[in-house]
């Protein structure tokens, strides 16, 4: 939960620093979400996918674009399918709506086979997607249980005395 909060804050900070709203972090986050959905829609079992973005178009980070200029962010995603095949999604993004859509030129391959080559993913008319989704009812969240066993050896029961925690 804390990690999700940090991602939300970091993504919001990246958008706030960019007057055009197209930052490498926003593009990476949104491409991760939309590409995963698009791959699964095309019957690719995505075990995991991680995306990174890099500013392009000859601009320095945070600088305002020239009037009429198109801002470009290159995106590179790597992952694995449920059966261990390699997933690669790459491209150039010219528009992103946080969590909802990316527009540009994107290509995805899974197991060496091209799955899609599109000019956008997601629904840009939908607006930003949710940054936090509460757990669904009936689907338990994973928990971690640690059991520590301690063996105490005594020659006689009276010699052991009281053992803390017993």
Protein backbone atom coordinates (compact mmCIF):
# COMPACT_ATOMS: atom_id res chain seq x y z
CA UNK A 1 0.00 0.00 0.00
CA UNK A 2 2.86 2.37 0.84
CA UNK A 3 4.59 1.54 -2.44
CA UNK A 4 1.38 2.29 -4.37
CA UNK A 5 1.18 5.64 -2.57
CA UNK A 6 4.76 6.48 -3.51
CA UNK A 7 4.11 5.58 -7.16
CA UNK A 8 1.04 7.84 -7.17
CA UNK A 9 2.99 10.71 -5.59
CA UNK A 10 5.96 10.26 -7.92
CA UNK A 11 3.74 10.10 -10.99
CA UNK A 12 1.86 13.19 -9.88
CA UNK A 13 5.13 15.03 -9.29
CA UNK A 14 6.38 14.09 -12.75
CA UNK A 15 3.23 15.44 -14.37
CA UNK A 16 3.31 18.59 -12.24
CA UNK A 17 6.88 19.35 -13.35
CA UNK A 18 6.08 18.99 -17.02
CA UNK A 19 3.97 21.77 -18.51
CA UNK A 20 2.84 19.50 -21.36
CA UNK A 21 2.01 16.64 -18.96
CA UNK A 22 4.10 14.14 -20.98
CA UNK A 23 6.85 12.90 -18.71
CA UNK A 24 8.86 9.72 -19.01
CA UNK A 25 7.49 8.37 -15.72
CA UNK A 26 3.86 8.97 -16.74
CA UNK A 27 4.46 7.34 -20.12
CA UNK A 28 6.17 4.31 -18.54
CA UNK A 29 3.40 3.85 -15.94
CA UNK A 30 0.58 4.24 -18.46
CA UNK A 31 2.23 2.07 -21.12
CA UNK A 32 2.71 -0.66 -18.51
CA UNK A 33 -1.02 -0.64 -17.68
CA UNK A 34 -2.37 -0.31 -21.21
CA UNK A 35 0.11 -2.73 -22.82
CA UNK A 36 -0.64 -5.39 -20.20
CA UNK A 37 -4.36 -5.01 -20.89
CA UNK A 38 -3.84 -5.10 -24.69
CA UNK A 39 -1.61 -8.19 -24.48
CA UNK A 40 -4.07 -10.04 -22.25
CA UNK A 41 -6.90 -9.05 -24.62
CA UNK A 42 -4.87 -10.77 -27.36
CA UNK A 43 -4.60 -13.94 -25.21
CA UNK A 44 -1.05 -13.40 -23.96
CA UNK A 45 -0.72 -14.52 -20.32
CA UNK A 46 1.34 -11.66 -18.82
CA UNK A 47 3.19 -12.78 -15.69
CA UNK A 48 4.90 -9.39 -15.31
CA UNK A 49 5.79 -6.33 -17.35
CA UNK A 50 8.01 -3.38 -16.41
CA UNK A 51 8.34 -0.23 -18.51
CA UNK A 52 10.82 2.63 -18.56
CA UNK A 53 10.58 5.91 -20.45
CA UNK A 54 13.19 8.33 -21.75
CA UNK A 55 12.63 11.89 -22.91
CA UNK A 56 13.23 12.34 -26.62
CA UNK A 57 12.77 14.99 -29.27
CA UNK A 58 15.89 16.99 -28.40
CA UNK A 59 14.42 18.57 -25.25
CA UNK A 60 16.01 18.82 -21.88
CA UNK A 61 14.00 17.39 -19.00
CA UNK A 62 11.40 19.85 -17.77
CA UNK A 63 11.90 22.43 -20.55
CA UNK A 64 8.80 23.81 -22.24
CA UNK A 65 8.25 22.63 -25.80
CA UNK A 66 8.44 25.14 -28.64
CA UNK A 67 5.02 26.22 -29.96
CA UNK A 68 3.71 23.59 -32.36
CA UNK A 69 6.44 21.09 -31.39
CA UNK A 70 5.55 17.47 -30.68
CA UNK A 71 6.89 16.04 -27.43
CA UNK A 72 8.19 12.49 -27.77
CA UNK A 73 9.01 9.96 -25.05
CA UNK A 74 10.56 6.64 -25.99
CA UNK A 75 9.28 3.68 -23.99
CA UNK A 76 10.85 0.26 -23.43
CA UNK A 77 9.01 -2.54 -21.60
CA UNK A 78 10.35 -5.97 -20.68
CA UNK A 79 8.49 -8.87 -19.12
CA UNK A 80 7.60 -12.56 -19.17
CA UNK A 81 4.54 -14.60 -19.99
CA UNK A 82 3.08 -17.12 -17.57
CA UNK A 83 5.03 -19.89 -19.33
CA UNK A 84 8.32 -17.93 -19.29
CA UNK A 85 8.39 -16.48 -22.82
CA UNK A 86 9.97 -13.04 -23.23
CA UNK A 87 7.72 -9.97 -23.72
CA UNK A 88 9.07 -6.77 -25.31
CA UNK A 89 7.02 -3.60 -25.89
CA UNK A 90 8.81 -0.61 -27.45
CA UNK A 91 7.90 2.62 -29.16
CA UNK A 92 7.61 6.38 -29.22
CA UNK A 93 4.77 8.09 -27.34
CA UNK A 94 3.42 11.55 -28.23
CA UNK A 95 0.43 11.63 -25.84
CA UNK A 96 -0.41 10.02 -22.52
CA UNK A 97 -3.38 10.27 -20.19
CA UNK A 98 -2.22 8.93 -16.82
CA UNK A 99 -3.39 5.35 -16.44
CA UNK A 100 -5.84 5.55 -19.38
CA UNK A 101 -4.06 5.79 -22.75
CA UNK A 102 -0.88 6.35 -24.75
CA UNK A 103 -0.65 7.49 -28.37
CA UNK A 104 2.32 7.13 -30.71
CA UNK A 105 3.95 4.15 -32.40
CA UNK A 106 4.05 0.99 -30.23
CA UNK A 107 5.07 -2.59 -31.02
CA UNK A 108 4.74 -5.67 -28.79
CA UNK A 109 6.36 -9.08 -29.16
CA UNK A 110 5.79 -12.16 -27.02
CA UNK A 111 7.93 -15.24 -27.46
CA UNK A 112 9.51 -13.75 -30.61
CA UNK A 113 6.11 -13.26 -32.31
CA UNK A 114 4.70 -9.78 -33.01
CA UNK A 115 1.47 -9.41 -31.05
CA UNK A 116 0.60 -5.86 -32.10
CA UNK A 117 1.89 -2.73 -33.86
CA UNK A 118 -0.48 0.13 -33.03
CA UNK A 119 -0.71 3.92 -32.95
CA UNK A 120 -2.20 3.92 -29.47
CA UNK A 121 -3.40 1.91 -26.50
CA UNK A 122 -6.30 2.60 -24.17
CA UNK A 123 -9.10 5.16 -24.28
CA UNK A 124 -7.88 8.78 -24.19
CA UNK A 125 -11.47 10.05 -23.82
CA UNK A 126 -11.81 8.13 -20.56
CA UNK A 127 -9.58 10.46 -18.53
CA UNK A 128 -7.06 9.32 -15.94
CA UNK A 129 -7.52 5.84 -14.57
CA UNK A 130 -7.56 4.94 -10.89
CA UNK A 131 -4.21 4.92 -9.15
CA UNK A 132 -5.45 2.69 -6.32
CA UNK A 133 -7.85 -0.21 -6.60
CA UNK A 134 -9.20 -1.62 -3.34
CA UNK A 135 -9.04 -5.39 -2.96
CA UNK A 136 -12.05 -7.20 -4.37
CA UNK A 137 -14.32 -9.17 -2.06
CA UNK A 138 -13.70 -12.89 -2.13
CA UNK A 139 -10.13 -12.58 -3.37
CA UNK A 140 -7.80 -12.91 -0.39
CA UNK A 141 -4.68 -10.82 -0.24
CA UNK A 142 -1.40 -12.68 0.29
CA UNK A 143 -0.07 -12.81 3.82
CA UNK A 144 3.29 -13.80 5.25
CA UNK A 145 3.46 -16.09 8.27
CA UNK A 146 6.69 -16.82 10.08
CA UNK A 147 6.86 -19.69 12.54
CA UNK A 148 9.80 -19.94 14.91
CA UNK A 149 10.35 -23.21 16.74
CA UNK A 150 12.65 -23.37 19.73
CA UNK A 151 13.68 -26.66 21.30
CA UNK A 152 14.66 -26.54 24.96
CA UNK A 153 16.51 -29.55 26.38
CA UNK A 154 16.46 -30.18 30.09
CA UNK A 155 17.69 -33.16 32.12
CA UNK A 156 14.74 -32.92 34.44
CA UNK A 157 11.46 -31.08 34.18
CA UNK A 158 12.22 -29.13 37.36
CA UNK A 159 15.52 -27.89 35.90
CA UNK A 160 13.76 -26.31 32.93
CA UNK A 161 11.60 -24.04 34.93
CA UNK A 162 9.33 -21.72 33.02
CA UNK A 163 10.06 -21.24 29.31
CA UNK A 164 8.87 -17.84 27.98
CA UNK A 165 6.12 -18.16 25.44
CA UNK A 166 5.05 -21.67 26.48
